[in-house]
Amino acid sequence: MLKLIDKNLRVIEDSLVLLVGISIFIVMILTSIQIISRVLGYPWPAFLELSELAISIFAFLGVAYAQRMDSHIRMELLVANLKGRIKWVVEFLSTLLSFIVISILIYFSGLFAIDAFVIGDSTMDYLFPTWPAKFLVPFGFLIWLIRLFLELTGYLRMVISLESEPLFIPIIKSAEELANEEIQSIRD
């Protein structure tokens, strides 16, 4: 069951990170065109407000993918030097804390987005509705929460049985292991 959730979640995370990349590229191109048109004396109205609303796509839809790839900032010096069960206990506890914090953030960002929808919140100048961008925050966090749940089960599994194969958790590799993988990929 958890493997099926992981498989489907990977598809969603990959799709979202692709959407993030495409949207960043589009905003980058449009910003370049906006700068050129502004220099020529023809600025685009409402471009700044639309690009501000697009920031929620960049910031929140890729966080679960970053969690899966172990790309978030963390205290690697401490965790990398731990061995055995204590390492998995520390990983479990830090992931549990993250799970609790993200759960709270989902709740309050969801309330904030619902409030923006109910009151008809909009941007100042051109009155674009802000609720779609605000709903992306709890959505991105919900995908992240599911990833954290899978990691919690993986770390708990490793705490219980050190000999079991790691599932649903990122494996931290040493610089030597990463270099050997890079060399092997070049040779293949």
N, C-alpha and C. Protein backbone atom coordinates (compact mmCIF):
# COMPACT_ATOMS: atom_id res chain seq x y z
N MET A 1 0.82 -1.20 0.00
CA MET A 1 0.00 0.00 0.00
C MET A 1 0.87 1.26 0.00
N LEU A 2 1.87 1.29 0.91
CA LEU A 2 2.74 2.46 0.97
C LEU A 2 3.58 2.62 -0.30
N LYS A 3 3.95 1.50 -0.91
CA LYS A 3 4.72 1.58 -2.17
C LYS A 3 3.87 2.18 -3.28
N LEU A 4 2.58 1.87 -3.30
CA LEU A 4 1.68 2.45 -4.28
C LEU A 4 1.52 3.95 -4.04
N ILE A 5 1.38 4.35 -2.79
CA ILE A 5 1.29 5.78 -2.45
C ILE A 5 2.58 6.48 -2.87
N ASP A 6 3.72 5.86 -2.59
CA ASP A 6 5.00 6.46 -2.97
C ASP A 6 5.12 6.61 -4.48
N LYS A 7 4.72 5.57 -5.20
CA LYS A 7 4.80 5.61 -6.66
C LYS A 7 3.94 6.74 -7.22
N ASN A 8 2.70 6.85 -6.75
CA ASN A 8 1.81 7.90 -7.22
C ASN A 8 2.27 9.28 -6.77
N LEU A 9 2.81 9.35 -5.57
CA LEU A 9 3.30 10.63 -5.06
C LEU A 9 4.50 11.11 -5.87
N ARG A 10 5.35 10.17 -6.29
CA ARG A 10 6.49 10.54 -7.14
C ARG A 10 6.03 11.16 -8.46
N VAL A 11 4.97 10.59 -9.03
CA VAL A 11 4.43 11.14 -10.28
C VAL A 11 3.91 12.55 -10.05
N ILE A 12 3.19 12.75 -8.95
CA ILE A 12 2.67 14.09 -8.64
C ILE A 12 3.81 15.06 -8.39
N GLU A 13 4.80 14.65 -7.59
CA GLU A 13 5.94 15.54 -7.30
C GLU A 13 6.71 15.89 -8.57
N ASP A 14 6.94 14.90 -9.42
CA ASP A 14 7.66 15.16 -10.67
C ASP A 14 6.86 16.11 -11.57
N SER A 15 5.55 15.92 -11.63
CA SER A 15 4.70 16.80 -12.44
C SER A 15 4.71 18.22 -11.90
N LEU A 16 4.63 18.34 -10.58
CA LEU A 16 4.64 19.68 -9.99
C LEU A 16 5.97 20.39 -10.19
N VAL A 17 7.07 19.66 -10.06
CA VAL A 17 8.37 20.31 -10.24
C VAL A 17 8.57 20.67 -11.72
N LEU A 18 7.98 19.91 -12.62
CA LEU A 18 8.01 20.28 -14.04
C LEU A 18 7.21 21.56 -14.26
N LEU A 19 6.04 21.65 -13.63
CA LEU A 19 5.22 22.86 -13.71
C LEU A 19 5.98 24.07 -13.14
N VAL A 20 6.68 23.85 -12.03
CA VAL A 20 7.48 24.93 -11.43
C VAL A 20 8.55 25.40 -12.41
N GLY A 21 9.26 24.47 -13.01
CA GLY A 21 10.31 24.84 -13.95
C GLY A 21 9.78 25.59 -15.16
N ILE A 22 8.67 25.11 -15.69
CA ILE A 22 8.07 25.78 -16.85
C ILE A 22 7.59 27.17 -16.47
N SER A 23 6.96 27.31 -15.32
CA SER A 23 6.46 28.62 -14.92
C SER A 23 7.60 29.59 -14.63
N ILE A 24 8.68 29.11 -14.06
CA ILE A 24 9.84 29.98 -13.84
C ILE A 24 10.39 30.45 -15.19
N PHE A 25 10.47 29.53 -16.14
CA PHE A 25 10.97 29.89 -17.47
C PHE A 25 10.07 30.93 -18.13
N ILE A 26 8.76 30.73 -18.05
CA ILE A 26 7.82 31.67 -18.66
C ILE A 26 7.93 33.05 -18.01
N VAL A 27 7.97 33.09 -16.69
CA VAL A 27 8.09 34.38 -16.00
C VAL A 27 9.43 35.04 -16.33
N MET A 28 10.49 34.25 -16.46
CA MET A 28 11.79 34.80 -16.82
C MET A 28 11.75 35.44 -18.21
N ILE A 29 11.16 34.74 -19.17
CA ILE A 29 11.05 35.28 -20.53
C ILE A 29 10.16 36.53 -20.54
N LEU A 30 9.03 36.46 -19.88
CA LEU A 30 8.13 37.62 -19.84
C LEU A 30 8.75 38.81 -19.13
N THR A 31 9.54 38.55 -18.10
CA THR A 31 10.24 39.64 -17.41
C THR A 31 11.25 40.29 -18.34
N SER A 32 11.95 39.51 -19.11
CA SER A 32 12.91 40.07 -20.07
C SER A 32 12.19 40.93 -21.11
N ILE A 33 11.08 40.43 -21.61
CA ILE A 33 10.29 41.21 -22.59
C ILE A 33 9.75 42.48 -21.94
N GLN A 34 9.29 42.37 -20.70
CA GLN A 34 8.77 43.53 -19.97
C GLN A 34 9.86 44.60 -19.82
N ILE A 35 11.07 44.19 -19.50
CA ILE A 35 12.17 45.16 -19.34
C ILE A 35 12.44 45.86 -20.66
N ILE A 36 12.50 45.10 -21.73
CA ILE A 36 12.75 45.68 -23.05
C ILE A 36 11.62 46.64 -23.44
N SER A 37 10.38 46.22 -23.23
CA SER A 37 9.25 47.09 -23.59
C SER A 37 9.21 48.34 -22.72
N ARG A 38 9.61 48.21 -21.46
CA ARG A 38 9.65 49.39 -20.58
C ARG A 38 10.72 50.38 -21.06
N VAL A 39 11.88 49.85 -21.46
CA VAL A 39 12.94 50.72 -21.98
C VAL A 39 12.46 51.44 -23.24
N LEU A 40 11.67 50.77 -24.05
CA LEU A 40 11.14 51.37 -25.27
C LEU A 40 9.94 52.28 -25.02
N GLY A 41 9.51 52.36 -23.76
CA GLY A 41 8.43 53.27 -23.41
C GLY A 41 7.05 52.66 -23.40
N TYR A 42 6.97 51.32 -23.42
CA TYR A 42 5.67 50.65 -23.44
C TYR A 42 5.60 49.60 -22.31
N PRO A 43 5.53 50.04 -21.06
CA PRO A 43 5.46 49.05 -19.97
C PRO A 43 4.13 48.29 -19.98
N TRP A 44 4.18 47.03 -19.55
CA TRP A 44 2.98 46.21 -19.48
C TRP A 44 2.25 46.50 -18.18
N PRO A 45 1.01 46.88 -18.25
CA PRO A 45 0.27 47.08 -17.01
C PRO A 45 0.01 45.74 -16.31
N ALA A 46 0.05 45.73 -15.02
CA ALA A 46 -0.27 44.58 -14.16
C ALA A 46 0.76 43.47 -14.19
N PHE A 47 1.87 43.65 -14.88
CA PHE A 47 2.85 42.58 -14.95
C PHE A 47 3.45 42.27 -13.57
N LEU A 48 3.73 43.30 -12.80
CA LEU A 48 4.33 43.10 -11.47
C LEU A 48 3.39 42.30 -10.56
N GLU A 49 2.11 42.64 -10.58
CA GLU A 49 1.16 41.93 -9.73
C GLU A 49 1.04 40.45 -10.14
N LEU A 50 1.00 40.20 -11.42
CA LEU A 50 0.90 38.81 -11.88
C LEU A 50 2.14 38.01 -11.54
N SER A 51 3.31 38.63 -11.66
CA SER A 51 4.54 37.90 -11.32
C SER A 51 4.63 37.66 -9.81
N GLU A 52 4.10 38.58 -9.01
CA GLU A 52 4.06 38.36 -7.57
C GLU A 52 3.14 37.19 -7.21
N LEU A 53 2.02 37.08 -7.90
CA LEU A 53 1.11 35.95 -7.65
C LEU A 53 1.74 34.62 -8.08
N ALA A 54 2.58 34.67 -9.11
CA ALA A 54 3.23 33.45 -9.60
C ALA A 54 4.30 32.93 -8.65
N ILE A 55 4.75 33.76 -7.74
CA ILE A 55 5.81 33.33 -6.81
C ILE A 55 5.35 32.14 -5.96
N SER A 56 4.06 32.05 -5.65
CA SER A 56 3.59 30.91 -4.85
C SER A 56 3.78 29.60 -5.60
N ILE A 57 3.76 29.64 -6.93
CA ILE A 57 4.04 28.43 -7.70
C ILE A 57 5.49 28.00 -7.46
N PHE A 58 6.40 28.95 -7.56
CA PHE A 58 7.83 28.63 -7.41
C PHE A 58 8.16 28.15 -6.01
N ALA A 59 7.57 28.82 -5.03
CA ALA A 59 7.99 28.59 -3.65
C ALA A 59 7.40 27.34 -3.02
N PHE A 60 6.18 26.97 -3.39
CA PHE A 60 5.50 25.94 -2.61
C PHE A 60 5.20 24.63 -3.34
N LEU A 61 5.19 24.63 -4.65
CA LEU A 61 4.83 23.40 -5.34
C LEU A 61 5.99 22.42 -5.47
N GLY A 62 7.20 22.86 -5.23
CA GLY A 62 8.35 21.96 -5.36
C GLY A 62 8.93 21.46 -4.05
N VAL A 63 8.31 21.82 -2.91
CA VAL A 63 8.92 21.45 -1.63
C VAL A 63 8.90 19.95 -1.36
N ALA A 64 7.87 19.25 -1.80
CA ALA A 64 7.82 17.80 -1.58
C ALA A 64 8.90 17.10 -2.40
N TYR A 65 9.11 17.58 -3.62
CA TYR A 65 10.17 17.02 -4.46
C TYR A 65 11.53 17.25 -3.81
N ALA A 66 11.74 18.44 -3.27
CA ALA A 66 13.00 18.74 -2.58
C ALA A 66 13.18 17.83 -1.37
N GLN A 67 12.09 17.53 -0.67
CA GLN A 67 12.17 16.61 0.47
C GLN A 67 12.57 15.23 0.00
N ARG A 68 11.97 14.76 -1.07
CA ARG A 68 12.29 13.43 -1.59
C ARG A 68 13.75 13.34 -2.03
N MET A 69 14.26 14.42 -2.62
CA MET A 69 15.64 14.43 -3.10
C MET A 69 16.63 14.81 -2.01
N ASP A 70 16.15 15.05 -0.79
CA ASP A 70 16.97 15.45 0.35
C ASP A 70 17.73 16.74 0.04
N SER A 71 17.03 17.71 -0.52
CA SER A 71 17.64 18.97 -0.93
C SER A 71 17.41 20.11 0.05
N HIS A 72 16.67 19.87 1.12
CA HIS A 72 16.45 20.92 2.10
C HIS A 72 17.69 21.10 2.97
N ILE A 73 17.83 22.29 3.50
CA ILE A 73 18.97 22.58 4.37
C ILE A 73 18.77 21.84 5.69
N ARG A 74 19.83 21.19 6.15
CA ARG A 74 19.75 20.44 7.41
C ARG A 74 21.12 20.38 8.07
N MET A 75 21.13 19.91 9.29
CA MET A 75 22.38 19.82 10.06
C MET A 75 23.08 18.51 9.70
N GLU A 76 23.67 18.49 8.54
CA GLU A 76 24.31 17.30 8.01
C GLU A 76 25.52 16.87 8.84
N LEU A 77 26.23 17.80 9.42
CA LEU A 77 27.41 17.44 10.20
C LEU A 77 27.05 16.55 11.38
N LEU A 78 25.93 16.82 12.00
CA LEU A 78 25.51 16.01 13.14
C LEU A 78 25.01 14.64 12.68
N VAL A 79 24.08 14.63 11.75
CA VAL A 79 23.42 13.38 11.35
C VAL A 79 24.38 12.45 10.61
N ALA A 80 25.26 13.01 9.80
CA ALA A 80 26.16 12.18 9.01
C ALA A 80 27.14 11.39 9.88
N ASN A 81 27.42 11.87 11.06
CA ASN A 81 28.38 11.19 11.94
C ASN A 81 27.70 10.19 12.87
N LEU A 82 26.40 10.11 12.85
CA LEU A 82 25.70 9.13 13.68
C LEU A 82 25.64 7.79 12.96
N LYS A 83 25.62 6.74 13.74
CA LYS A 83 25.57 5.38 13.18
C LYS A 83 24.48 4.58 13.89
N GLY A 84 24.01 3.56 13.20
CA GLY A 84 23.10 2.61 13.80
C GLY A 84 21.73 3.18 14.13
N ARG A 85 21.15 2.61 15.18
CA ARG A 85 19.79 2.96 15.57
C ARG A 85 19.65 4.43 15.98
N ILE A 86 20.66 4.99 16.61
CA ILE A 86 20.56 6.39 17.06
C ILE A 86 20.39 7.33 15.87
N LYS A 87 21.04 7.01 14.76
CA LYS A 87 20.88 7.83 13.54
C LYS A 87 19.43 7.82 13.09
N TRP A 88 18.82 6.64 13.04
CA TRP A 88 17.45 6.55 12.57
C TRP A 88 16.47 7.17 13.55
N VAL A 89 16.77 7.09 14.84
CA VAL A 89 15.92 7.75 15.85
C VAL A 89 15.97 9.26 15.66
N VAL A 90 17.16 9.83 15.47
CA VAL A 90 17.29 11.27 15.25
C VAL A 90 16.57 11.68 13.97
N GLU A 91 16.73 10.90 12.91
CA GLU A 91 16.03 11.20 11.65
C GLU A 91 14.52 11.14 11.85
N PHE A 92 14.05 10.12 12.57
CA PHE A 92 12.62 9.98 12.83
C PHE A 92 12.10 11.18 13.60
N LEU A 93 12.80 11.57 14.67
CA LEU A 93 12.34 12.69 15.49
C LEU A 93 12.34 14.01 14.73
N SER A 94 13.37 14.24 13.93
CA SER A 94 13.39 15.50 13.16
C SER A 94 12.30 15.51 12.09
N THR A 95 12.02 14.36 11.50
CA THR A 95 10.94 14.28 10.52
C THR A 95 9.58 14.41 11.19
N LEU A 96 9.44 13.86 12.39
CA LEU A 96 8.20 14.01 13.15
C LEU A 96 7.95 15.48 13.48
N LEU A 97 8.99 16.18 13.90
CA LEU A 97 8.86 17.61 14.17
C LEU A 97 8.46 18.36 12.91
N SER A 98 9.07 18.03 11.78
CA SER A 98 8.70 18.65 10.51
C SER A 98 7.25 18.35 10.16
N PHE A 99 6.82 17.12 10.40
CA PHE A 99 5.45 16.71 10.13
C PHE A 99 4.46 17.55 10.94
N ILE A 100 4.77 17.77 12.20
CA ILE A 100 3.89 18.56 13.07
C ILE A 100 3.85 20.02 12.60
N VAL A 101 5.01 20.58 12.30
CA VAL A 101 5.07 21.98 11.85
C VAL A 101 4.31 22.16 10.54
N ILE A 102 4.51 21.27 9.58
CA ILE A 102 3.84 21.38 8.29
C ILE A 102 2.33 21.19 8.46
N SER A 103 1.90 20.32 9.37
CA SER A 103 0.47 20.16 9.64
C SER A 103 -0.14 21.47 10.13
N ILE A 104 0.55 22.13 11.02
CA ILE A 104 0.07 23.42 11.54
C ILE A 104 0.04 24.47 10.42
N LEU A 105 1.08 24.48 9.59
CA LEU A 105 1.12 25.43 8.48
C LEU A 105 0.01 25.17 7.46
N ILE A 106 -0.31 23.91 7.23
CA ILE A 106 -1.42 23.59 6.32
C ILE A 106 -2.73 24.15 6.87
N TYR A 107 -2.94 23.94 8.15
CA TYR A 107 -4.19 24.41 8.77
C TYR A 107 -4.32 25.93 8.64
N PHE A 108 -3.30 26.66 9.05
CA PHE A 108 -3.43 28.12 9.06
C PHE A 108 -3.35 28.72 7.66
N SER A 109 -2.54 28.16 6.77
CA SER A 109 -2.51 28.69 5.40
C SER A 109 -3.81 28.36 4.68
N GLY A 110 -4.42 27.23 5.01
CA GLY A 110 -5.73 26.90 4.46
C GLY A 110 -6.80 27.88 4.93
N LEU A 111 -6.78 28.21 6.21
CA LEU A 111 -7.72 29.22 6.72
C LEU A 111 -7.50 30.57 6.05
N PHE A 112 -6.25 30.92 5.86
CA PHE A 112 -5.90 32.18 5.20
C PHE A 112 -6.41 32.20 3.77
N ALA A 113 -6.26 31.09 3.04
CA ALA A 113 -6.72 31.01 1.66
C ALA A 113 -8.25 31.04 1.59
N ILE A 114 -8.90 30.33 2.49
CA ILE A 114 -10.37 30.35 2.53
C ILE A 114 -10.87 31.76 2.82
N ASP A 115 -10.22 32.42 3.77
CA ASP A 115 -10.59 33.80 4.10
C ASP A 115 -10.43 34.71 2.89
N ALA A 116 -9.34 34.55 2.14
CA ALA A 116 -9.12 35.37 0.94
C ALA A 116 -10.22 35.12 -0.08
N PHE A 117 -10.67 33.87 -0.20
CA PHE A 117 -11.74 33.55 -1.13
C PHE A 117 -13.06 34.16 -0.68
N VAL A 118 -13.37 34.02 0.60
CA VAL A 118 -14.65 34.49 1.13
C VAL A 118 -14.77 36.02 1.03
N ILE A 119 -13.70 36.73 1.39
CA ILE A 119 -13.80 38.19 1.37
C ILE A 119 -13.51 38.78 -0.01
N GLY A 120 -13.10 37.93 -0.95
CA GLY A 120 -12.80 38.42 -2.30
C GLY A 120 -11.52 39.23 -2.36
N ASP A 121 -10.50 38.77 -1.63
CA ASP A 121 -9.22 39.48 -1.59
C ASP A 121 -8.64 39.60 -2.99
N SER A 122 -8.06 40.76 -3.28
CA SER A 122 -7.50 40.99 -4.61
C SER A 122 -6.26 41.87 -4.49
N THR A 123 -5.53 41.96 -5.60
CA THR A 123 -4.36 42.83 -5.62
C THR A 123 -4.82 44.28 -5.60
N MET A 124 -3.88 45.18 -5.29
CA MET A 124 -4.25 46.58 -5.08
C MET A 124 -4.66 47.31 -6.35
N ASP A 125 -3.86 47.22 -7.39
CA ASP A 125 -4.10 48.06 -8.56
C ASP A 125 -5.10 47.48 -9.55
N TYR A 126 -4.88 46.23 -9.96
CA TYR A 126 -5.69 45.67 -11.04
C TYR A 126 -6.73 44.67 -10.55
N LEU A 127 -6.82 44.50 -9.25
CA LEU A 127 -7.85 43.68 -8.61
C LEU A 127 -7.89 42.23 -9.09
N PHE A 128 -6.71 41.63 -9.29
CA PHE A 128 -6.65 40.20 -9.56
C PHE A 128 -6.95 39.46 -8.26
N PRO A 129 -7.76 38.40 -8.30
CA PRO A 129 -8.02 37.65 -7.07
C PRO A 129 -6.74 36.95 -6.58
N THR A 130 -6.53 37.00 -5.28
CA THR A 130 -5.32 36.39 -4.71
C THR A 130 -5.55 34.98 -4.21
N TRP A 131 -6.80 34.56 -4.08
CA TRP A 131 -7.05 33.25 -3.48
C TRP A 131 -6.46 32.08 -4.26
N PRO A 132 -6.39 32.10 -5.60
CA PRO A 132 -5.76 30.93 -6.25
C PRO A 132 -4.31 30.75 -5.82
N ALA A 133 -3.58 31.85 -5.74
CA ALA A 133 -2.18 31.76 -5.31
C ALA A 133 -2.09 31.34 -3.85
N LYS A 134 -3.02 31.81 -3.05
CA LYS A 134 -2.99 31.45 -1.63
C LYS A 134 -3.39 30.00 -1.39
N PHE A 135 -4.20 29.41 -2.26
CA PHE A 135 -4.54 28.00 -2.12
C PHE A 135 -3.39 27.08 -2.53
N LEU A 136 -2.45 27.59 -3.29
CA LEU A 136 -1.29 26.77 -3.66
C LEU A 136 -0.41 26.45 -2.45
N VAL A 137 -0.45 27.31 -1.44
CA VAL A 137 0.39 27.10 -0.25
C VAL A 137 -0.06 25.84 0.51
N PRO A 138 -1.31 25.73 0.95
CA PRO A 138 -1.68 24.48 1.64
C PRO A 138 -1.63 23.26 0.73
N PHE A 139 -1.87 23.43 -0.57
CA PHE A 139 -1.78 22.30 -1.50
C PHE A 139 -0.34 21.77 -1.56
N GLY A 140 0.62 22.67 -1.76
CA GLY A 140 2.03 22.26 -1.80
C GLY A 140 2.46 21.63 -0.49
N PHE A 141 2.00 22.21 0.62
CA PHE A 141 2.33 21.66 1.93
C PHE A 141 1.68 20.30 2.15
N LEU A 142 0.48 20.09 1.61
CA LEU A 142 -0.18 18.79 1.76
C LEU A 142 0.61 17.69 1.05
N ILE A 143 1.10 17.98 -0.14
CA ILE A 143 1.93 17.00 -0.86
C ILE A 143 3.20 16.72 -0.04
N TRP A 144 3.77 17.76 0.55
CA TRP A 144 4.96 17.63 1.39
C TRP A 144 4.64 16.79 2.63
N LEU A 145 3.46 17.00 3.22
CA LEU A 145 3.07 16.25 4.41
C LEU A 145 2.96 14.75 4.10
N ILE A 146 2.43 14.42 2.94
CA ILE A 146 2.34 13.01 2.55
C ILE A 146 3.75 12.42 2.40
N ARG A 147 4.67 13.19 1.80
CA ARG A 147 6.06 12.73 1.68
C ARG A 147 6.67 12.53 3.06
N LEU A 148 6.41 13.45 3.98
CA LEU A 148 6.95 13.32 5.34
C LEU A 148 6.36 12.09 6.04
N PHE A 149 5.09 11.80 5.81
CA PHE A 149 4.48 10.61 6.40
C PHE A 149 5.18 9.34 5.91
N LEU A 150 5.45 9.29 4.60
CA LEU A 150 6.16 8.13 4.06
C LEU A 150 7.55 8.02 4.67
N GLU A 151 8.24 9.16 4.83
CA GLU A 151 9.56 9.12 5.45
C GLU A 151 9.48 8.68 6.91
N LEU A 152 8.45 9.12 7.62
CA LEU A 152 8.28 8.68 9.01
C LEU A 152 8.15 7.16 9.09
N THR A 153 7.36 6.58 8.19
CA THR A 153 7.23 5.12 8.21
C THR A 153 8.55 4.45 7.86
N GLY A 154 9.30 5.04 6.93
CA GLY A 154 10.60 4.48 6.57
C GLY A 154 11.60 4.56 7.71
N TYR A 155 11.64 5.69 8.40
CA TYR A 155 12.57 5.82 9.52
C TYR A 155 12.16 4.92 10.69
N LEU A 156 10.85 4.82 10.94
CA LEU A 156 10.39 3.93 12.02
C LEU A 156 10.76 2.49 11.70
N ARG A 157 10.65 2.13 10.46
CA ARG A 157 11.03 0.78 10.01
C ARG A 157 12.52 0.53 10.28
N MET A 158 13.35 1.55 10.02
CA MET A 158 14.79 1.40 10.25
C MET A 158 15.12 1.37 11.75
N VAL A 159 14.34 2.10 12.57
CA VAL A 159 14.56 2.06 14.02
C VAL A 159 14.24 0.67 14.55
N ILE A 160 13.17 0.08 14.06
CA ILE A 160 12.76 -1.24 14.54
C ILE A 160 13.71 -2.32 14.07
N SER A 161 14.11 -2.27 12.80
CA SER A 161 14.96 -3.31 12.24
C SER A 161 16.09 -2.68 11.43
N LEU A 162 17.27 -2.67 11.99
CA LEU A 162 18.43 -2.05 11.33
C LEU A 162 18.83 -2.78 10.05
N GLU A 163 18.50 -4.06 9.94
CA GLU A 163 18.91 -4.84 8.78
C GLU A 163 17.98 -4.67 7.59
N SER A 164 16.83 -4.04 7.81
CA SER A 164 15.87 -3.92 6.71
C SER A 164 16.36 -2.92 5.66
N GLU A 165 15.86 -3.10 4.46
CA GLU A 165 16.24 -2.22 3.35
C GLU A 165 15.54 -0.87 3.53
N PRO A 166 16.27 0.23 3.38
CA PRO A 166 15.64 1.56 3.53
C PRO A 166 14.59 1.80 2.43
N LEU A 167 13.38 2.14 2.86
CA LEU A 167 12.30 2.47 1.94
C LEU A 167 11.75 3.84 2.29
N PHE A 168 11.44 4.62 1.27
CA PHE A 168 10.79 5.92 1.40
C PHE A 168 11.66 6.98 2.07
N ILE A 169 12.93 6.72 2.26
CA ILE A 169 13.80 7.70 2.91
C ILE A 169 15.00 8.01 2.01
N PRO A 170 15.46 9.26 2.06
CA PRO A 170 16.67 9.59 1.29
C PRO A 170 17.89 9.00 1.98
N ILE A 171 18.77 8.43 1.20
CA ILE A 171 20.01 7.87 1.73
C ILE A 171 21.11 8.90 1.54
N ILE A 172 21.70 9.31 2.63
CA ILE A 172 22.77 10.31 2.60
C ILE A 172 24.05 9.62 2.17
N LYS A 173 24.65 10.15 1.13
CA LYS A 173 25.88 9.56 0.61
C LYS A 173 27.06 10.46 0.94
N SER A 174 28.18 9.81 1.17
CA SER A 174 29.40 10.57 1.45
C SER A 174 29.92 11.19 0.16
N ALA A 175 30.85 12.11 0.30
CA ALA A 175 31.44 12.76 -0.87
C ALA A 175 32.13 11.72 -1.76
N GLU A 176 32.74 10.73 -1.14
CA GLU A 176 33.41 9.67 -1.90
C GLU A 176 32.41 8.85 -2.71
N GLU A 177 31.29 8.49 -2.09
CA GLU A 177 30.27 7.73 -2.81
C GLU A 177 29.70 8.52 -3.98
N LEU A 178 29.44 9.82 -3.76
CA LEU A 178 28.93 10.66 -4.83
C LEU A 178 29.93 10.78 -5.98
N ALA A 179 31.22 10.93 -5.63
CA ALA A 179 32.26 11.02 -6.66
C ALA A 179 32.35 9.72 -7.45
N ASN A 180 32.30 8.58 -6.76
CA ASN A 180 32.34 7.29 -7.45
C ASN A 180 31.13 7.10 -8.38
N GLU A 181 29.95 7.52 -7.94
CA GLU A 181 28.78 7.45 -8.81
C GLU A 181 28.95 8.33 -10.04
N GLU A 182 29.48 9.51 -9.85
CA GLU A 182 29.72 10.43 -10.97
C GLU A 182 30.70 9.82 -11.97
N ILE A 183 31.77 9.25 -11.45
CA ILE A 183 32.76 8.60 -12.32
C ILE A 183 32.13 7.44 -13.07
N GLN A 184 31.33 6.64 -12.37
CA GLN A 184 30.68 5.49 -13.01
C GLN A 184 29.71 5.95 -14.10
N SER A 185 28.98 7.05 -13.85
CA SER A 185 28.04 7.52 -14.86
C SER A 185 28.74 8.04 -16.10
N ILE A 186 29.94 8.58 -15.92
CA ILE A 186 30.71 9.07 -17.08
C ILE A 186 31.24 7.88 -17.88
N ARG A 187 31.65 6.82 -17.20
CA ARG A 187 32.19 5.63 -17.87
C ARG A 187 31.11 4.87 -18.63
N ASP A 188 29.88 4.92 -18.14
CA ASP A 188 28.79 4.16 -18.79
C ASP A 188 28.27 4.84 -19.98
